[in-house]
Amino acid sequence: MHFERLNNLAPGFRGAFLAVAAAALLAGCASRDSITVGSVPDDYRTNHPIVISEKEKAIDIPVASTDHRMTKIQKVAIEGFAAGYDRSAAAPVTVMVPSGSANEAAAGAVAEDLVKAMKRNGIPRSRIAITGYQADSAETAAPIRVSYVAMQAHTNQCGRWPDDVAETADNKHYANFGCAYQNNLAAQIANPADLLGPRKPGEIDAERRNIILDDYRNASTEKVGTIQY
């Protein structure tokens, strides 16, 4: 429409026409795909990140005052603890024996057996140190504490409840959400360095690979599912 014809319209019609035209132009300029709906900004991996740092790994071995040798339960406990020891790092291991407790004599005897058990499980004797600590009471049986420091994957402390979990008006996770999951995942990581980068590829057993492929090619359809790998 020419401007001369627009000027001939009544003022009311002319204002309405300009408003409609402006709206149409704005609608044409808008992009329907320009709006991206993002996720909730409080990701549990951000709130409870898995980090790698130096932490103490420790186990308390209970000792009865009547024990004279390492028991089967104590043997299983110390062997399981020694299984997680990194022999390449060869971190010093501390065996803390209680002093002034009801089981002081028994703990000293069991501590020697614990050292021998750790030595059999690959921990050098030169890396094991026996020390003592003062027990809280002479009437109770104090445990033997075995510990060493190593790099470990872990998260922050769980159990934080600063707000009411029923307050969900902002559609965000509560503070403790995902913490237990992250802690369990970190505990299952055998080598924390795997979080920093991939390992070097291992050697390929080409001979074994050829055997498997030959068995697959030569097997009948009925026997393919029964090949022993």
C-alpha atoms as a PDB file:
ATOM      1  CA  MET A   1       0.000   0.000   0.000  1.00  0.00           C
ATOM      2  CA  HIS A   2       1.334   3.370  -0.897  1.00  0.00           C
ATOM      3  CA  PHE A   3       1.847   6.025   1.757  1.00  0.00           C
ATOM      4  CA  GLU A   4      -0.737   8.269   0.004  1.00  0.00           C
ATOM      5  CA  ARG A   5      -3.437   5.651   0.524  1.00  0.00           C
ATOM      6  CA  LEU A   6      -2.288   5.088   4.121  1.00  0.00           C
ATOM      7  CA  ASN A   7      -2.642   8.794   4.813  1.00  0.00           C
ATOM      8  CA  ASN A   8      -6.204   8.756   3.462  1.00  0.00           C
ATOM      9  CA  LEU A   9      -7.273   6.219   6.127  1.00  0.00           C
ATOM     10  CA  ALA A  10      -8.987   7.387   9.280  1.00  0.00           C
ATOM     11  CA  PRO A  11      -6.609   7.969  12.182  1.00  0.00           C
ATOM     12  CA  GLY A  12      -8.056   5.020  14.150  1.00  0.00           C
ATOM     13  CA  PHE A  13      -7.753   2.570  11.260  1.00  0.00           C
ATOM     14  CA  ARG A  14      -4.318   3.875  10.404  1.00  0.00           C
ATOM     15  CA  GLY A  15      -2.997   3.223  13.967  1.00  0.00           C
ATOM     16  CA  ALA A  16      -4.455  -0.284  14.042  1.00  0.00           C
ATOM     17  CA  PHE A  17      -2.912  -1.079  10.656  1.00  0.00           C
ATOM     18  CA  LEU A  18       0.549   0.069  11.801  1.00  0.00           C
ATOM     19  CA  ALA A  19       0.303  -2.036  14.971  1.00  0.00           C
ATOM     20  CA  VAL A  20      -0.629  -5.154  13.015  1.00  0.00           C
ATOM     21  CA  ALA A  21       2.174  -4.552  10.506  1.00  0.00           C
ATOM     22  CA  ALA A  22       4.759  -4.109  13.243  1.00  0.00           C
ATOM     23  CA  ALA A  23       3.659  -7.340  14.926  1.00  0.00           C
ATOM     24  CA  ALA A  24       3.894  -9.200  11.645  1.00  0.00           C
ATOM     25  CA  LEU A  25       7.425  -7.928  11.055  1.00  0.00           C
ATOM     26  CA  LEU A  26       8.539  -8.964  14.541  1.00  0.00           C
ATOM     27  CA  ALA A  27       7.029 -12.412  14.111  1.00  0.00           C
ATOM     28  CA  GLY A  28       8.866 -12.837  10.829  1.00  0.00           C
ATOM     29  CA  CYS A  29      12.189 -11.956  12.399  1.00  0.00           C
ATOM     30  CA  ALA A  30      11.792 -14.398  15.306  1.00  0.00           C
ATOM     31  CA  SER A  31      13.389 -17.818  14.978  1.00  0.00           C
ATOM     32  CA  ARG A  32      11.404 -20.753  16.244  1.00  0.00           C
ATOM     33  CA  ASP A  33      14.558 -22.780  16.908  1.00  0.00           C
ATOM     34  CA  SER A  34      16.472 -20.145  18.839  1.00  0.00           C
ATOM     35  CA  ILE A  35      15.192 -21.140  22.275  1.00  0.00           C
ATOM     36  CA  THR A  36      16.994 -24.063  23.847  1.00  0.00           C
ATOM     37  CA  VAL A  37      15.629 -25.519  27.059  1.00  0.00           C
ATOM     38  CA  GLY A  38      18.542 -26.254  29.393  1.00  0.00           C
ATOM     39  CA  SER A  39      18.757 -28.734  32.249  1.00  0.00           C
ATOM     40  CA  VAL A  40      18.406 -27.860  35.880  1.00  0.00           C
ATOM     41  CA  PRO A  41      21.616 -25.955  36.728  1.00  0.00           C
ATOM     42  CA  ASP A  42      22.378 -27.943  39.911  1.00  0.00           C
ATOM     43  CA  ASP A  43      23.896 -31.163  38.567  1.00  0.00           C
ATOM     44  CA  TYR A  44      24.785 -33.723  41.264  1.00  0.00           C
ATOM     45  CA  ARG A  45      28.164 -34.224  39.567  1.00  0.00           C
ATOM     46  CA  THR A  46      28.852 -30.543  40.134  1.00  0.00           C
ATOM     47  CA  ASN A  47      27.571 -30.511  43.712  1.00  0.00           C
ATOM     48  CA  HIS A  48      29.470 -33.686  44.639  1.00  0.00           C
ATOM     49  CA  PRO A  49      32.461 -33.950  42.287  1.00  0.00           C
ATOM     50  CA  ILE A  50      34.841 -36.899  42.448  1.00  0.00           C
ATOM     51  CA  VAL A  51      38.310 -35.618  43.284  1.00  0.00           C
ATOM     52  CA  ILE A  52      41.697 -37.288  43.714  1.00  0.00           C
ATOM     53  CA  SER A  53      43.750 -36.475  46.770  1.00  0.00           C
ATOM     54  CA  GLU A  54      45.980 -38.040  49.393  1.00  0.00           C
ATOM     55  CA  LYS A  55      43.966 -39.824  52.079  1.00  0.00           C
ATOM     56  CA  GLU A  56      44.681 -42.227  54.907  1.00  0.00           C
ATOM     57  CA  LYS A  57      43.475 -45.798  54.516  1.00  0.00           C
ATOM     58  CA  ALA A  58      43.058 -47.449  57.891  1.00  0.00           C
ATOM     59  CA  ILE A  59      41.576 -50.553  59.470  1.00  0.00           C
ATOM     60  CA  ASP A  60      40.982 -51.317  63.159  1.00  0.00           C
ATOM     61  CA  ILE A  61      41.673 -54.931  64.123  1.00  0.00           C
ATOM     62  CA  PRO A  62      39.809 -55.928  67.311  1.00  0.00           C
ATOM     63  CA  VAL A  63      41.879 -57.996  69.744  1.00  0.00           C
ATOM     64  CA  ALA A  64      40.567 -59.891  72.752  1.00  0.00           C
ATOM     65  CA  SER A  65      42.597 -59.891  75.944  1.00  0.00           C
ATOM     66  CA  THR A  66      42.840 -63.709  75.719  1.00  0.00           C
ATOM     67  CA  ASP A  67      44.298 -63.789  72.182  1.00  0.00           C
ATOM     68  CA  HIS A  68      47.833 -65.136  71.869  1.00  0.00           C
ATOM     69  CA  ARG A  69      47.998 -65.509  68.092  1.00  0.00           C
ATOM     70  CA  MET A  70      46.306 -63.944  65.085  1.00  0.00           C
ATOM     71  CA  THR A  71      42.807 -65.376  64.683  1.00  0.00           C
ATOM     72  CA  LYS A  72      41.180 -66.431  61.428  1.00  0.00           C
ATOM     73  CA  ILE A  73      38.926 -63.341  61.450  1.00  0.00           C
ATOM     74  CA  GLN A  74      41.922 -61.049  61.936  1.00  0.00           C
ATOM     75  CA  LYS A  75      43.810 -62.853  59.166  1.00  0.00           C
ATOM     76  CA  VAL A  76      40.979 -62.352  56.680  1.00  0.00           C
ATOM     77  CA  ALA A  77      40.690 -58.675  57.649  1.00  0.00           C
ATOM     78  CA  ILE A  78      44.394 -57.871  57.265  1.00  0.00           C
ATOM     79  CA  GLU A  79      44.708 -59.794  53.988  1.00  0.00           C
ATOM     80  CA  GLY A  80      41.754 -57.887  52.553  1.00  0.00           C
ATOM     81  CA  PHE A  81      43.342 -54.629  53.681  1.00  0.00           C
ATOM     82  CA  ALA A  82      46.718 -55.576  52.198  1.00  0.00           C
ATOM     83  CA  ALA A  83      45.085 -56.439  48.867  1.00  0.00           C
ATOM     84  CA  GLY A  84      44.456 -52.735  48.240  1.00  0.00           C
ATOM     85  CA  TYR A  85      48.058 -51.762  48.940  1.00  0.00           C
ATOM     86  CA  ASP A  86      49.910 -50.314  45.937  1.00  0.00           C
ATOM     87  CA  ARG A  87      53.228 -52.140  45.916  1.00  0.00           C
ATOM     88  CA  SER A  88      54.658 -49.850  43.252  1.00  0.00           C
ATOM     89  CA  ALA A  89      54.130 -46.803  45.461  1.00  0.00           C
ATOM     90  CA  ALA A  90      55.410 -48.681  48.538  1.00  0.00           C
ATOM     91  CA  ALA A  91      53.852 -46.297  51.027  1.00  0.00           C
ATOM     92  CA  PRO A  92      54.927 -46.716  54.684  1.00  0.00           C
ATOM     93  CA  VAL A  93      52.473 -48.822  56.720  1.00  0.00           C
ATOM     94  CA  THR A  94      51.951 -47.999  60.386  1.00  0.00           C
ATOM     95  CA  VAL A  95      50.803 -50.610  62.899  1.00  0.00           C
ATOM     96  CA  MET A  96      49.578 -48.837  66.053  1.00  0.00           C
ATOM     97  CA  VAL A  97      49.456 -51.106  69.120  1.00  0.00           C
ATOM     98  CA  PRO A  98      47.453 -49.995  72.174  1.00  0.00           C
ATOM     99  CA  SER A  99      49.281 -49.326  75.418  1.00  0.00           C
ATOM    100  CA  GLY A 100      47.747 -49.303  78.884  1.00  0.00           C
ATOM    101  CA  SER A 101      44.659 -51.268  77.827  1.00  0.00           C
ATOM    102  CA  ALA A 102      43.287 -54.555  79.126  1.00  0.00           C
ATOM    103  CA  ASN A 103      44.539 -56.349  76.009  1.00  0.00           C
ATOM    104  CA  GLU A 104      47.974 -54.723  75.812  1.00  0.00           C
ATOM    105  CA  ALA A 105      49.913 -58.008  75.956  1.00  0.00           C
ATOM    106  CA  ALA A 106      47.592 -59.765  73.498  1.00  0.00           C
ATOM    107  CA  ALA A 107      47.734 -56.845  71.060  1.00  0.00           C
ATOM    108  CA  GLY A 108      51.534 -56.952  71.048  1.00  0.00           C
ATOM    109  CA  ALA A 109      51.536 -60.643  70.134  1.00  0.00           C
ATOM    110  CA  VAL A 110      48.861 -60.258  67.458  1.00  0.00           C
ATOM    111  CA  ALA A 111      50.664 -57.253  65.964  1.00  0.00           C
ATOM    112  CA  GLU A 112      53.692 -59.405  65.160  1.00  0.00           C
ATOM    113  CA  ASP A 113      51.471 -61.894  63.321  1.00  0.00           C
ATOM    114  CA  LEU A 114      49.807 -59.071  61.422  1.00  0.00           C
ATOM    115  CA  VAL A 115      53.192 -57.853  60.216  1.00  0.00           C
ATOM    116  CA  LYS A 116      54.086 -61.345  59.021  1.00  0.00           C
ATOM    117  CA  ALA A 117      50.752 -61.646  57.202  1.00  0.00           C
ATOM    118  CA  MET A 118      51.294 -58.333  55.419  1.00  0.00           C
ATOM    119  CA  LYS A 119      54.799 -59.411  54.447  1.00  0.00           C
ATOM    120  CA  ARG A 120      53.397 -62.611  52.907  1.00  0.00           C
ATOM    121  CA  ASN A 121      50.964 -60.470  50.926  1.00  0.00           C
ATOM    122  CA  GLY A 122      53.676 -58.418  49.246  1.00  0.00           C
ATOM    123  CA  ILE A 123      54.281 -55.519  51.634  1.00  0.00           C
ATOM    124  CA  PRO A 124      58.023 -55.175  52.318  1.00  0.00           C
ATOM    125  CA  ARG A 125      58.990 -55.503  55.974  1.00  0.00           C
ATOM    126  CA  SER A 126      61.129 -52.387  55.630  1.00  0.00           C
ATOM    127  CA  ARG A 127      57.978 -50.384  54.878  1.00  0.00           C
ATOM    128  CA  ILE A 128      56.133 -51.509  58.024  1.00  0.00           C
ATOM    129  CA  ALA A 129      56.586 -49.612  61.291  1.00  0.00           C
ATOM    130  CA  ILE A 130      55.163 -50.657  64.670  1.00  0.00           C
ATOM    131  CA  THR A 131      54.263 -47.842  67.061  1.00  0.00           C
ATOM    132  CA  GLY A 132      52.125 -47.516  70.163  1.00  0.00           C
ATOM    133  CA  TYR A 133      49.294 -45.291  71.285  1.00  0.00           C
ATOM    134  CA  GLN A 134      47.758 -44.643  74.675  1.00  0.00           C
ATOM    135  CA  ALA A 135      44.431 -46.383  75.184  1.00  0.00           C
ATOM    136  CA  ASP A 136      41.518 -44.486  76.670  1.00  0.00           C
ATOM    137  CA  SER A 137      40.917 -46.899  79.524  1.00  0.00           C
ATOM    138  CA  ALA A 138      42.794 -49.726  81.213  1.00  0.00           C
ATOM    139  CA  GLU A 139      39.548 -51.673  81.562  1.00  0.00           C
ATOM    140  CA  THR A 140      38.675 -51.914  77.880  1.00  0.00           C
ATOM    141  CA  ALA A 141      40.185 -53.789  74.925  1.00  0.00           C
ATOM    142  CA  ALA A 142      41.532 -51.361  72.345  1.00  0.00           C
ATOM    143  CA  PRO A 143      42.018 -52.308  68.686  1.00  0.00           C
ATOM    144  CA  ILE A 144      45.187 -52.409  66.609  1.00  0.00           C
ATOM    145  CA  ARG A 145      45.097 -49.739  63.912  1.00  0.00           C
ATOM    146  CA  VAL A 146      46.872 -50.412  60.600  1.00  0.00           C
ATOM    147  CA  SER A 147      47.108 -47.502  58.190  1.00  0.00           C
ATOM    148  CA  TYR A 148      48.954 -46.007  55.251  1.00  0.00           C
ATOM    149  CA  VAL A 149      48.542 -42.939  53.046  1.00  0.00           C
ATOM    150  CA  ALA A 150      47.679 -43.271  49.347  1.00  0.00           C
ATOM    151  CA  MET A 151      46.075 -41.396  46.496  1.00  0.00           C
ATOM    152  CA  GLN A 152      42.345 -42.043  46.519  1.00  0.00           C
ATOM    153  CA  ALA A 153      39.249 -40.967  44.608  1.00  0.00           C
ATOM    154  CA  HIS A 154      36.528 -39.585  46.851  1.00  0.00           C
ATOM    155  CA  THR A 155      33.803 -36.954  47.148  1.00  0.00           C
ATOM    156  CA  ASN A 156      32.857 -34.463  49.798  1.00  0.00           C
ATOM    157  CA  GLN A 157      31.164 -35.496  53.034  1.00  0.00           C
ATOM    158  CA  CYS A 158      27.604 -36.735  52.591  1.00  0.00           C
ATOM    159  CA  GLY A 159      24.698 -36.081  54.924  1.00  0.00           C
ATOM    160  CA  ARG A 160      24.282 -32.334  54.446  1.00  0.00           C
ATOM    161  CA  TRP A 161      20.658 -31.231  54.915  1.00  0.00           C
ATOM    162  CA  PRO A 162      20.760 -27.412  55.075  1.00  0.00           C
ATOM    163  CA  ASP A 163      17.218 -26.978  53.741  1.00  0.00           C
ATOM    164  CA  ASP A 164      13.874 -28.686  53.953  1.00  0.00           C
ATOM    165  CA  VAL A 165      13.657 -31.315  51.171  1.00  0.00           C
ATOM    166  CA  ALA A 166       9.987 -30.428  50.754  1.00  0.00           C
ATOM    167  CA  GLU A 167      10.973 -26.979  49.473  1.00  0.00           C
ATOM    168  CA  THR A 168      10.919 -27.719  45.741  1.00  0.00           C
ATOM    169  CA  ALA A 169       9.459 -24.481  44.403  1.00  0.00           C
ATOM    170  CA  ASP A 170      12.673 -23.682  42.512  1.00  0.00           C
ATOM    171  CA  ASN A 171      12.773 -27.206  40.942  1.00  0.00           C
ATOM    172  CA  LYS A 172      16.311 -27.929  42.133  1.00  0.00           C
ATOM    173  CA  HIS A 173      17.921 -30.965  43.722  1.00  0.00           C
ATOM    174  CA  TYR A 174      18.315 -31.044  47.476  1.00  0.00           C
ATOM    175  CA  ALA A 175      21.871 -30.615  48.773  1.00  0.00           C
ATOM    176  CA  ASN A 176      22.552 -34.304  49.489  1.00  0.00           C
ATOM    177  CA  PHE A 177      21.134 -35.574  46.189  1.00  0.00           C
ATOM    178  CA  GLY A 178      23.566 -37.885  44.363  1.00  0.00           C
ATOM    179  CA  CYS A 179      26.231 -37.823  47.086  1.00  0.00           C
ATOM    180  CA  ALA A 180      25.928 -41.519  47.996  1.00  0.00           C
ATOM    181  CA  TYR A 181      26.007 -42.502  44.321  1.00  0.00           C
ATOM    182  CA  GLN A 182      29.175 -40.490  43.716  1.00  0.00           C
ATOM    183  CA  ASN A 183      30.800 -41.926  46.838  1.00  0.00           C
ATOM    184  CA  ASN A 184      30.024 -45.491  45.779  1.00  0.00           C
ATOM    185  CA  LEU A 185      31.360 -44.818  42.288  1.00  0.00           C
ATOM    186  CA  ALA A 186      34.584 -43.354  43.686  1.00  0.00           C
ATOM    187  CA  ALA A 187      35.035 -46.343  46.015  1.00  0.00           C
ATOM    188  CA  GLN A 188      34.895 -48.759  43.062  1.00  0.00           C
ATOM    189  CA  ILE A 189      37.727 -47.063  41.167  1.00  0.00           C
ATOM    190  CA  ALA A 190      40.803 -49.261  41.592  1.00  0.00           C
ATOM    191  CA  ASN A 191      43.215 -46.800  39.986  1.00  0.00           C
ATOM    192  CA  PRO A 192      42.362 -43.112  40.609  1.00  0.00           C
ATOM    193  CA  ALA A 193      44.679 -42.149  37.730  1.00  0.00           C
ATOM    194  CA  ASP A 194      42.057 -43.539  35.337  1.00  0.00           C
ATOM    195  CA  LEU A 195      40.024 -40.393  36.024  1.00  0.00           C
ATOM    196  CA  LEU A 196      42.862 -38.229  34.745  1.00  0.00           C
ATOM    197  CA  GLY A 197      43.428 -39.946  31.411  1.00  0.00           C
ATOM    198  CA  PRO A 198      43.366 -43.242  29.536  1.00  0.00           C
ATOM    199  CA  ARG A 199      45.901 -45.982  30.095  1.00  0.00           C
ATOM    200  CA  LYS A 200      48.389 -47.156  27.495  1.00  0.00           C
ATOM    201  CA  PRO A 201      46.863 -49.890  25.285  1.00  0.00           C
ATOM    202  CA  GLY A 202      48.033 -53.374  26.166  1.00  0.00           C
ATOM    203  CA  GLU A 203      49.679 -55.848  23.854  1.00  0.00           C
ATOM    204  CA  ILE A 204      47.396 -57.806  21.520  1.00  0.00           C
ATOM    205  CA  ASP A 205      47.553 -61.596  21.684  1.00  0.00           C
ATOM    206  CA  ALA A 206      47.406 -62.154  17.935  1.00  0.00           C
ATOM    207  CA  GLU A 207      47.855 -65.918  18.216  1.00  0.00           C
ATOM    208  CA  ARG A 208      44.906 -66.308  20.572  1.00  0.00           C
ATOM    209  CA  ARG A 209      42.809 -63.960  18.439  1.00  0.00           C
ATOM    210  CA  ASN A 210      43.439 -66.093  15.339  1.00  0.00           C
ATOM    211  CA  ILE A 211      42.373 -69.230  17.213  1.00  0.00           C
ATOM    212  CA  ILE A 212      39.098 -67.643  18.241  1.00  0.00           C
ATOM    213  CA  LEU A 213      38.367 -66.398  14.716  1.00  0.00           C
ATOM    214  CA  ASP A 214      39.181 -69.784  13.188  1.00  0.00           C
ATOM    215  CA  ASP A 215      36.882 -71.544  15.650  1.00  0.00           C
ATOM    216  CA  TYR A 216      34.117 -69.111  14.776  1.00  0.00           C
ATOM    217  CA  ARG A 217      34.560 -69.496  11.019  1.00  0.00           C
ATOM    218  CA  ASN A 218      34.784 -73.297  11.105  1.00  0.00           C
ATOM    219  CA  ALA A 219      31.933 -73.893  13.530  1.00  0.00           C
ATOM    220  CA  SER A 220      28.453 -74.790  12.269  1.00  0.00           C
ATOM    221  CA  THR A 221      25.476 -72.563  12.976  1.00  0.00           C
ATOM    222  CA  GLU A 222      24.287 -74.823  15.813  1.00  0.00           C
ATOM    223  CA  LYS A 223      27.709 -74.823  17.513  1.00  0.00           C
ATOM    224  CA  VAL A 224      28.562 -71.129  17.284  1.00  0.00           C
ATOM    225  CA  GLY A 225      26.975 -70.426  20.626  1.00  0.00           C
ATOM    226  CA  THR A 226      28.981 -73.177  22.360  1.00  0.00           C
ATOM    227  CA  ILE A 227      32.507 -71.971  21.496  1.00  0.00           C
ATOM    228  CA  GLN A 228      34.639 -71.802  24.636  1.00  0.00           C
ATOM    229  CA  TYR A 229      36.517 -68.511  24.989  1.00  0.00           C
END
